Amino acid sequence: MKSETLLLFLISLCNISCKTINPDTVKTASLYKVVKLNDPMTVDGNWDKPQWQKVDALELKYFMGKAPAFRPKVKAKLMYDADYVYVIFQVKDKYVRCVATNSNAAVWEDSCVEFFFSPDSDSQMKYFNLESNCGGTVLMNYNLVPHKKLTVLDPEDIKQIKIAHSLPRRVLQEITDPVTWTVEYKIPLTLLEKYAEVTKPAPGVTWKANFYKIADKTSNPHYLTWSLVNQAQPDFHLPQFFGNLVFK
């Protein structure tokens, strides 16, 4: 009887220990430090230009759902100044498709990079999703309640986002060979302020954010994230898993 009690105790202890060391439950939110841009910079999609060479990159390392046969390598960098937030993505990719050309079209079905961010430090569950396919077509919403309540940005407002891309605007025949592509843009703070409360970037300010890569309708669909999303079914609209952007 004593041995059975001891065995049950050891099994219970093992279960508690296993839950304790589960990496999905102990993971700390990702953090990226956003440096200030001091001089004017042309948005041209050049990952290697001098201003970006001085900036550290974040990397999208996590996959949601089933891992694809080919795993793209995706990096991003950010900067800010008094008027804009600057973002650039570099994607080492295969099976690239780009069909959508109208603002707010289904860009996520193409080879697409996405920046989700909460610019109001006091309302971190409300967020913008800015999604761009590799041809530079943008979809952008402001989400008050994920999947339930959002504001679709006016296409005329979206035009205020200066964007550059290395691939053509349309890629109708899927590129199956290895290809590296970039998307770079700058987001006017005045555009964000039209739709949301904004805590302006400044030293010490923190925004919540995540970065994603998707290619839903290619022959190699995948769902990559920067900050780990502890969810089996792919879903990018989970702000509780956003990481931290700390402005310097």
C-alpha atoms as a PDB file:
ATOM      1  CA  MET A   1       0.000   0.000   0.000  1.00  0.00           C
ATOM      2  CA  LYS A   2       2.806   2.396   0.862  1.00  0.00           C
ATOM      3  CA  SER A   3       4.609   1.648  -2.404  1.00  0.00           C
ATOM      4  CA  GLU A   4       1.425   2.391  -4.384  1.00  0.00           C
ATOM      5  CA  THR A   5       1.028   5.708  -2.577  1.00  0.00           C
ATOM      6  CA  LEU A   6       4.663   6.582  -3.269  1.00  0.00           C
ATOM      7  CA  LEU A   7       4.231   5.681  -6.947  1.00  0.00           C
ATOM      8  CA  LEU A   8       1.153   7.900  -7.286  1.00  0.00           C
ATOM      9  CA  PHE A   9       3.032  10.735  -5.569  1.00  0.00           C
ATOM     10  CA  LEU A  10       5.986  10.413  -7.959  1.00  0.00           C
ATOM     11  CA  ILE A  11       3.674  10.359 -11.011  1.00  0.00           C
ATOM     12  CA  SER A  12       1.899  13.484  -9.746  1.00  0.00           C
ATOM     13  CA  LEU A  13       5.249  15.213  -9.118  1.00  0.00           C
ATOM     14  CA  CYS A  14       6.418  14.323 -12.617  1.00  0.00           C
ATOM     15  CA  ASN A  15       3.265  15.778 -14.173  1.00  0.00           C
ATOM     16  CA  ILE A  16       3.736  19.029 -12.259  1.00  0.00           C
ATOM     17  CA  SER A  17       7.414  19.245 -13.280  1.00  0.00           C
ATOM     18  CA  CYS A  18       6.643  18.559 -16.933  1.00  0.00           C
ATOM     19  CA  LYS A  19       4.069  21.346 -16.968  1.00  0.00           C
ATOM     20  CA  THR A  20       6.523  23.657 -15.269  1.00  0.00           C
ATOM     21  CA  ILE A  21       9.239  23.268 -17.896  1.00  0.00           C
ATOM     22  CA  ASN A  22       6.933  23.364 -20.936  1.00  0.00           C
ATOM     23  CA  PRO A  23       8.695  25.960 -23.146  1.00  0.00           C
ATOM     24  CA  ASP A  24       5.386  27.187 -24.571  1.00  0.00           C
ATOM     25  CA  THR A  25       4.199  28.285 -21.137  1.00  0.00           C
ATOM     26  CA  VAL A  26       7.390  29.851 -19.847  1.00  0.00           C
ATOM     27  CA  LYS A  27       8.311  31.927 -22.856  1.00  0.00           C
ATOM     28  CA  THR A  28       9.054  35.616 -22.265  1.00  0.00           C
ATOM     29  CA  ALA A  29       7.545  38.130 -24.710  1.00  0.00           C
ATOM     30  CA  SER A  30       9.883  39.185 -27.526  1.00  0.00           C
ATOM     31  CA  LEU A  31      11.506  42.606 -27.251  1.00  0.00           C
ATOM     32  CA  TYR A  32      12.951  44.912 -29.910  1.00  0.00           C
ATOM     33  CA  LYS A  33      14.616  48.279 -29.347  1.00  0.00           C
ATOM     34  CA  VAL A  34      13.616  50.899 -31.928  1.00  0.00           C
ATOM     35  CA  VAL A  35      16.308  53.499 -32.573  1.00  0.00           C
ATOM     36  CA  LYS A  36      15.706  57.054 -33.750  1.00  0.00           C
ATOM     37  CA  LEU A  37      16.460  58.175 -37.300  1.00  0.00           C
ATOM     38  CA  ASN A  38      18.285  61.482 -37.165  1.00  0.00           C
ATOM     39  CA  ASP A  39      18.575  62.316 -40.867  1.00  0.00           C
ATOM     40  CA  PRO A  40      16.149  62.069 -43.821  1.00  0.00           C
ATOM     41  CA  MET A  41      16.033  58.663 -45.524  1.00  0.00           C
ATOM     42  CA  THR A  42      14.708  57.650 -48.926  1.00  0.00           C
ATOM     43  CA  VAL A  43      12.263  54.725 -48.900  1.00  0.00           C
ATOM     44  CA  ASP A  44      13.574  52.562 -51.736  1.00  0.00           C
ATOM     45  CA  GLY A  45      13.502  48.965 -50.482  1.00  0.00           C
ATOM     46  CA  ASN A  46      17.296  48.808 -50.019  1.00  0.00           C
ATOM     47  CA  TRP A  47      18.033  46.592 -47.017  1.00  0.00           C
ATOM     48  CA  ASP A  48      21.761  47.433 -47.254  1.00  0.00           C
ATOM     49  CA  LYS A  49      21.633  51.225 -47.275  1.00  0.00           C
ATOM     50  CA  PRO A  50      23.768  52.948 -44.618  1.00  0.00           C
ATOM     51  CA  GLN A  51      20.913  53.914 -42.294  1.00  0.00           C
ATOM     52  CA  TRP A  52      19.668  50.320 -41.964  1.00  0.00           C
ATOM     53  CA  GLN A  53      23.173  48.877 -41.618  1.00  0.00           C
ATOM     54  CA  LYS A  54      23.410  50.547 -38.210  1.00  0.00           C
ATOM     55  CA  VAL A  55      20.187  48.913 -36.979  1.00  0.00           C
ATOM     56  CA  ASP A  56      19.746  45.447 -35.452  1.00  0.00           C
ATOM     57  CA  ALA A  57      17.287  43.075 -37.114  1.00  0.00           C
ATOM     58  CA  LEU A  58      14.576  40.984 -35.521  1.00  0.00           C
ATOM     59  CA  GLU A  59      13.836  37.530 -36.952  1.00  0.00           C
ATOM     60  CA  LEU A  60      10.618  35.601 -37.444  1.00  0.00           C
ATOM     61  CA  LYS A  61      11.489  32.201 -35.968  1.00  0.00           C
ATOM     62  CA  TYR A  62       8.174  30.686 -34.902  1.00  0.00           C
ATOM     63  CA  PHE A  63       5.677  28.766 -37.046  1.00  0.00           C
ATOM     64  CA  MET A  64       1.973  28.395 -36.407  1.00  0.00           C
ATOM     65  CA  GLY A  65       0.170  25.294 -37.604  1.00  0.00           C
ATOM     66  CA  LYS A  66       2.025  22.687 -39.636  1.00  0.00           C
ATOM     67  CA  ALA A  67       5.586  23.699 -40.531  1.00  0.00           C
ATOM     68  CA  PRO A  68       5.986  24.048 -44.322  1.00  0.00           C
ATOM     69  CA  ALA A  69       8.322  21.957 -46.466  1.00  0.00           C
ATOM     70  CA  PHE A  70      10.305  25.117 -47.269  1.00  0.00           C
ATOM     71  CA  ARG A  71      10.896  27.575 -44.437  1.00  0.00           C
ATOM     72  CA  PRO A  72      11.414  31.190 -45.511  1.00  0.00           C
ATOM     73  CA  LYS A  73      13.934  33.266 -43.591  1.00  0.00           C
ATOM     74  CA  VAL A  74      12.404  36.594 -42.606  1.00  0.00           C
ATOM     75  CA  LYS A  75      13.978  39.580 -40.882  1.00  0.00           C
ATOM     76  CA  ALA A  76      12.712  43.081 -40.149  1.00  0.00           C
ATOM     77  CA  LYS A  77      14.097  46.379 -38.858  1.00  0.00           C
ATOM     78  CA  LEU A  78      12.430  49.502 -37.439  1.00  0.00           C
ATOM     79  CA  MET A  79      13.309  53.149 -36.839  1.00  0.00           C
ATOM     80  CA  TYR A  80      11.331  56.263 -35.988  1.00  0.00           C
ATOM     81  CA  ASP A  81      11.488  60.046 -36.062  1.00  0.00           C
ATOM     82  CA  ALA A  82       9.126  62.841 -35.042  1.00  0.00           C
ATOM     83  CA  ASP A  83       6.722  62.152 -37.911  1.00  0.00           C
ATOM     84  CA  TYR A  84       7.078  58.529 -39.063  1.00  0.00           C
ATOM     85  CA  VAL A  85       7.693  54.932 -38.111  1.00  0.00           C
ATOM     86  CA  TYR A  86       9.978  53.208 -40.640  1.00  0.00           C
ATOM     87  CA  VAL A  87       9.809  49.465 -41.343  1.00  0.00           C
ATOM     88  CA  ILE A  88      11.763  47.192 -43.677  1.00  0.00           C
ATOM     89  CA  PHE A  89      11.409  43.436 -44.257  1.00  0.00           C
ATOM     90  CA  GLN A  90      13.893  41.104 -45.941  1.00  0.00           C
ATOM     91  CA  VAL A  91      12.549  37.710 -47.053  1.00  0.00           C
ATOM     92  CA  LYS A  92      14.617  34.812 -48.373  1.00  0.00           C
ATOM     93  CA  ASP A  93      11.844  32.923 -50.067  1.00  0.00           C
ATOM     94  CA  LYS A  94      10.592  30.386 -52.609  1.00  0.00           C
ATOM     95  CA  TYR A  95       7.152  29.724 -54.135  1.00  0.00           C
ATOM     96  CA  VAL A  96       6.415  33.443 -54.386  1.00  0.00           C
ATOM     97  CA  ARG A  97       3.045  34.676 -55.654  1.00  0.00           C
ATOM     98  CA  CYS A  98       1.621  38.214 -55.912  1.00  0.00           C
ATOM     99  CA  VAL A  99      -1.838  38.803 -57.384  1.00  0.00           C
ATOM    100  CA  ALA A 100      -3.653  41.464 -55.304  1.00  0.00           C
ATOM    101  CA  THR A 101      -3.167  45.032 -56.557  1.00  0.00           C
ATOM    102  CA  ASN A 102      -6.021  46.970 -54.914  1.00  0.00           C
ATOM    103  CA  SER A 103      -5.776  48.451 -51.423  1.00  0.00           C
ATOM    104  CA  ASN A 104      -7.412  46.261 -48.775  1.00  0.00           C
ATOM    105  CA  ALA A 105      -7.570  43.266 -51.125  1.00  0.00           C
ATOM    106  CA  ALA A 106      -6.680  39.734 -49.979  1.00  0.00           C
ATOM    107  CA  VAL A 107      -2.930  40.343 -49.761  1.00  0.00           C
ATOM    108  CA  TRP A 108      -2.534  37.544 -47.178  1.00  0.00           C
ATOM    109  CA  GLU A 109      -3.190  35.021 -49.938  1.00  0.00           C
ATOM    110  CA  ASP A 110       0.003  36.245 -51.656  1.00  0.00           C
ATOM    111  CA  SER A 111       3.579  36.185 -50.369  1.00  0.00           C
ATOM    112  CA  CYS A 112       2.971  38.739 -47.652  1.00  0.00           C
ATOM    113  CA  VAL A 113       4.594  40.363 -44.606  1.00  0.00           C
ATOM    114  CA  GLU A 114       2.546  41.876 -41.801  1.00  0.00           C
ATOM    115  CA  PHE A 115       3.089  44.379 -38.999  1.00  0.00           C
ATOM    116  CA  PHE A 116       0.500  44.341 -36.196  1.00  0.00           C
ATOM    117  CA  PHE A 117       0.970  47.036 -33.559  1.00  0.00           C
ATOM    118  CA  SER A 118      -0.787  48.785 -30.671  1.00  0.00           C
ATOM    119  CA  PRO A 119       0.251  52.470 -30.721  1.00  0.00           C
ATOM    120  CA  ASP A 120      -1.745  53.428 -27.619  1.00  0.00           C
ATOM    121  CA  SER A 121       0.174  52.409 -24.504  1.00  0.00           C
ATOM    122  CA  ASP A 122      -3.063  52.631 -22.487  1.00  0.00           C
ATOM    123  CA  SER A 123      -5.111  50.346 -24.796  1.00  0.00           C
ATOM    124  CA  GLN A 124      -2.775  47.556 -25.794  1.00  0.00           C
ATOM    125  CA  MET A 125      -5.485  45.195 -27.030  1.00  0.00           C
ATOM    126  CA  LYS A 126      -6.508  47.652 -29.770  1.00  0.00           C
ATOM    127  CA  TYR A 127      -4.195  47.450 -32.755  1.00  0.00           C
ATOM    128  CA  PHE A 128      -3.526  48.174 -36.416  1.00  0.00           C
ATOM    129  CA  ASN A 129      -2.784  45.371 -38.855  1.00  0.00           C
ATOM    130  CA  LEU A 130      -0.695  46.580 -41.783  1.00  0.00           C
ATOM    131  CA  GLU A 131      -0.271  43.800 -44.338  1.00  0.00           C
ATOM    132  CA  SER A 132       1.737  44.130 -47.541  1.00  0.00           C
ATOM    133  CA  ASN A 133       2.280  41.595 -50.285  1.00  0.00           C
ATOM    134  CA  CYS A 134       5.659  41.424 -51.995  1.00  0.00           C
ATOM    135  CA  GLY A 135       4.380  43.763 -54.719  1.00  0.00           C
ATOM    136  CA  GLY A 136       3.670  46.566 -52.261  1.00  0.00           C
ATOM    137  CA  THR A 137      -0.135  46.357 -52.111  1.00  0.00           C
ATOM    138  CA  VAL A 138      -1.372  47.199 -48.610  1.00  0.00           C
ATOM    139  CA  LEU A 139      -4.316  46.162 -46.455  1.00  0.00           C
ATOM    140  CA  MET A 140      -4.749  48.089 -43.222  1.00  0.00           C
ATOM    141  CA  ASN A 141      -7.353  47.990 -40.440  1.00  0.00           C
ATOM    142  CA  TYR A 142      -7.710  49.299 -36.903  1.00  0.00           C
ATOM    143  CA  ASN A 143      -9.030  46.556 -34.630  1.00  0.00           C
ATOM    144  CA  LEU A 144     -11.004  47.360 -31.490  1.00  0.00           C
ATOM    145  CA  VAL A 145     -12.062  43.743 -30.856  1.00  0.00           C
ATOM    146  CA  PRO A 146     -10.253  40.962 -32.790  1.00  0.00           C
ATOM    147  CA  HIS A 147     -12.440  39.409 -35.510  1.00  0.00           C
ATOM    148  CA  LYS A 148     -15.482  41.339 -34.290  1.00  0.00           C
ATOM    149  CA  LYS A 149     -15.052  45.103 -34.457  1.00  0.00           C
ATOM    150  CA  LEU A 150     -12.682  46.960 -36.776  1.00  0.00           C
ATOM    151  CA  THR A 151     -12.307  50.036 -38.915  1.00  0.00           C
ATOM    152  CA  VAL A 152     -11.050  49.550 -42.469  1.00  0.00           C
ATOM    153  CA  LEU A 153      -8.723  52.374 -43.437  1.00  0.00           C
ATOM    154  CA  ASP A 154      -9.765  54.464 -46.418  1.00  0.00           C
ATOM    155  CA  PRO A 155      -7.636  53.604 -49.494  1.00  0.00           C
ATOM    156  CA  GLU A 156      -6.938  57.324 -49.924  1.00  0.00           C
ATOM    157  CA  ASP A 157      -5.458  57.382 -46.424  1.00  0.00           C
ATOM    158  CA  ILE A 158      -3.404  54.266 -47.116  1.00  0.00           C
ATOM    159  CA  LYS A 159      -1.765  56.162 -49.993  1.00  0.00           C
ATOM    160  CA  GLN A 160      -0.049  58.310 -47.357  1.00  0.00           C
ATOM    161  CA  ILE A 161       2.180  55.311 -46.566  1.00  0.00           C
ATOM    162  CA  LYS A 162       5.286  55.636 -48.723  1.00  0.00           C
ATOM    163  CA  ILE A 163       6.223  52.083 -49.765  1.00  0.00           C
ATOM    164  CA  ALA A 164       8.927  50.484 -51.906  1.00  0.00           C
ATOM    165  CA  HIS A 165       9.387  46.846 -52.962  1.00  0.00           C
ATOM    166  CA  SER A 166      12.046  44.896 -54.841  1.00  0.00           C
ATOM    167  CA  LEU A 167       9.729  42.567 -56.796  1.00  0.00           C
ATOM    168  CA  PRO A 168       7.251  43.613 -59.506  1.00  0.00           C
ATOM    169  CA  ARG A 169       3.764  44.676 -58.461  1.00  0.00           C
ATOM    170  CA  ARG A 170       2.356  41.393 -59.782  1.00  0.00           C
ATOM    171  CA  VAL A 171       3.884  37.908 -59.881  1.00  0.00           C
ATOM    172  CA  LEU A 172       1.302  35.800 -61.696  1.00  0.00           C
ATOM    173  CA  GLN A 173       3.499  32.761 -62.295  1.00  0.00           C
ATOM    174  CA  GLU A 174       4.773  31.463 -58.969  1.00  0.00           C
ATOM    175  CA  ILE A 175       8.534  31.867 -58.498  1.00  0.00           C
ATOM    176  CA  THR A 176       9.664  28.426 -57.325  1.00  0.00           C
ATOM    177  CA  ASP A 177      13.400  29.188 -57.299  1.00  0.00           C
ATOM    178  CA  PRO A 178      15.100  30.888 -54.321  1.00  0.00           C
ATOM    179  CA  VAL A 179      14.562  34.656 -54.336  1.00  0.00           C
ATOM    180  CA  THR A 180      15.270  37.422 -51.821  1.00  0.00           C
ATOM    181  CA  TRP A 181      12.763  40.260 -51.708  1.00  0.00           C
ATOM    182  CA  THR A 182      12.230  43.360 -49.597  1.00  0.00           C
ATOM    183  CA  VAL A 183       9.389  45.649 -48.631  1.00  0.00           C
ATOM    184  CA  GLU A 184      10.065  49.006 -46.970  1.00  0.00           C
ATOM    185  CA  TYR A 185       7.631  51.696 -45.852  1.00  0.00           C
ATOM    186  CA  LYS A 186       7.179  54.669 -43.559  1.00  0.00           C
ATOM    187  CA  ILE A 187       3.931  55.187 -41.657  1.00  0.00           C
ATOM    188  CA  PRO A 188       2.874  58.780 -40.889  1.00  0.00           C
ATOM    189  CA  LEU A 189       1.911  59.238 -37.251  1.00  0.00           C
ATOM    190  CA  THR A 190      -0.811  61.636 -38.422  1.00  0.00           C
ATOM    191  CA  LEU A 191      -2.427  58.741 -40.310  1.00  0.00           C
ATOM    192  CA  LEU A 192      -2.535  56.631 -37.143  1.00  0.00           C
ATOM    193  CA  GLU A 193      -3.924  59.547 -35.144  1.00  0.00           C
ATOM    194  CA  LYS A 194      -6.896  59.811 -37.524  1.00  0.00           C
ATOM    195  CA  TYR A 195      -8.080  56.350 -36.415  1.00  0.00           C
ATOM    196  CA  ALA A 196      -6.679  55.814 -32.912  1.00  0.00           C
ATOM    197  CA  GLU A 197      -5.134  57.305 -29.817  1.00  0.00           C
ATOM    198  CA  VAL A 198      -1.354  57.289 -30.292  1.00  0.00           C
ATOM    199  CA  THR A 199       1.390  57.376 -27.704  1.00  0.00           C
ATOM    200  CA  LYS A 200       4.023  59.118 -29.799  1.00  0.00           C
ATOM    201  CA  PRO A 201       7.365  57.322 -30.084  1.00  0.00           C
ATOM    202  CA  ALA A 202       9.957  58.764 -27.721  1.00  0.00           C
ATOM    203  CA  PRO A 203      12.694  57.352 -25.496  1.00  0.00           C
ATOM    204  CA  GLY A 204      11.131  55.002 -22.961  1.00  0.00           C
ATOM    205  CA  VAL A 205       7.785  54.578 -24.777  1.00  0.00           C
ATOM    206  CA  THR A 206       6.684  50.976 -25.424  1.00  0.00           C
ATOM    207  CA  TRP A 207       4.276  49.738 -28.101  1.00  0.00           C
ATOM    208  CA  LYS A 208       3.002  46.159 -28.280  1.00  0.00           C
ATOM    209  CA  ALA A 209       3.511  44.475 -31.665  1.00  0.00           C
ATOM    210  CA  ASN A 210       4.053  41.348 -33.691  1.00  0.00           C
ATOM    211  CA  PHE A 211       5.462  40.628 -37.137  1.00  0.00           C
ATOM    212  CA  TYR A 212       4.206  37.917 -39.441  1.00  0.00           C
ATOM    213  CA  LYS A 213       4.870  36.212 -42.770  1.00  0.00           C
ATOM    214  CA  ILE A 214       2.073  34.430 -44.622  1.00  0.00           C
ATOM    215  CA  ALA A 215       1.498  32.944 -48.077  1.00  0.00           C
ATOM    216  CA  ASP A 216      -1.948  31.418 -47.817  1.00  0.00           C
ATOM    217  CA  LYS A 217      -2.627  30.600 -51.479  1.00  0.00           C
ATOM    218  CA  THR A 218       0.871  29.643 -52.627  1.00  0.00           C
ATOM    219  CA  SER A 219       2.014  26.055 -53.088  1.00  0.00           C
ATOM    220  CA  ASN A 220       3.956  26.430 -49.809  1.00  0.00           C
ATOM    221  CA  PRO A 221       1.509  27.985 -47.299  1.00  0.00           C
ATOM    222  CA  HIS A 222       3.006  29.034 -43.972  1.00  0.00           C
ATOM    223  CA  TYR A 223       2.411  31.211 -40.919  1.00  0.00           C
ATOM    224  CA  LEU A 224       5.515  32.710 -39.273  1.00  0.00           C
ATOM    225  CA  THR A 225       5.657  34.972 -36.216  1.00  0.00           C
ATOM    226  CA  TRP A 226       8.246  37.068 -34.407  1.00  0.00           C
ATOM    227  CA  SER A 227       6.732  36.859 -30.930  1.00  0.00           C
ATOM    228  CA  LEU A 228       5.554  33.348 -30.106  1.00  0.00           C
ATOM    229  CA  VAL A 229       1.801  32.809 -30.429  1.00  0.00           C
ATOM    230  CA  ASN A 230       0.771  29.908 -28.222  1.00  0.00           C
ATOM    231  CA  GLN A 231      -2.070  28.738 -30.454  1.00  0.00           C
ATOM    232  CA  ALA A 232      -2.206  25.582 -32.572  1.00  0.00           C
ATOM    233  CA  GLN A 233      -4.561  26.945 -35.233  1.00  0.00           C
ATOM    234  CA  PRO A 234      -2.981  29.835 -37.187  1.00  0.00           C
ATOM    235  CA  ASP A 235      -4.438  33.153 -36.057  1.00  0.00           C
ATOM    236  CA  PHE A 236      -2.495  36.418 -36.142  1.00  0.00           C
ATOM    237  CA  HIS A 237      -5.227  38.436 -34.396  1.00  0.00           C
ATOM    238  CA  LEU A 238      -4.194  37.544 -30.855  1.00  0.00           C
ATOM    239  CA  PRO A 239      -2.780  40.744 -29.292  1.00  0.00           C
ATOM    240  CA  GLN A 240      -2.263  39.010 -25.947  1.00  0.00           C
ATOM    241  CA  PHE A 241       0.825  37.425 -27.547  1.00  0.00           C
ATOM    242  CA  PHE A 242       2.320  40.650 -28.951  1.00  0.00           C
ATOM    243  CA  GLY A 243       5.928  41.435 -28.073  1.00  0.00           C
ATOM    244  CA  ASN A 244       7.384  44.790 -27.010  1.00  0.00           C
ATOM    245  CA  LEU A 245       8.758  47.604 -29.148  1.00  0.00           C
ATOM    246  CA  VAL A 246      10.815  49.839 -26.873  1.00  0.00           C
ATOM    247  CA  PHE A 247      11.728  53.210 -28.365  1.00  0.00           C
ATOM    248  CA  LYS A 248      15.207  54.515 -27.561  1.00  0.00           C
END
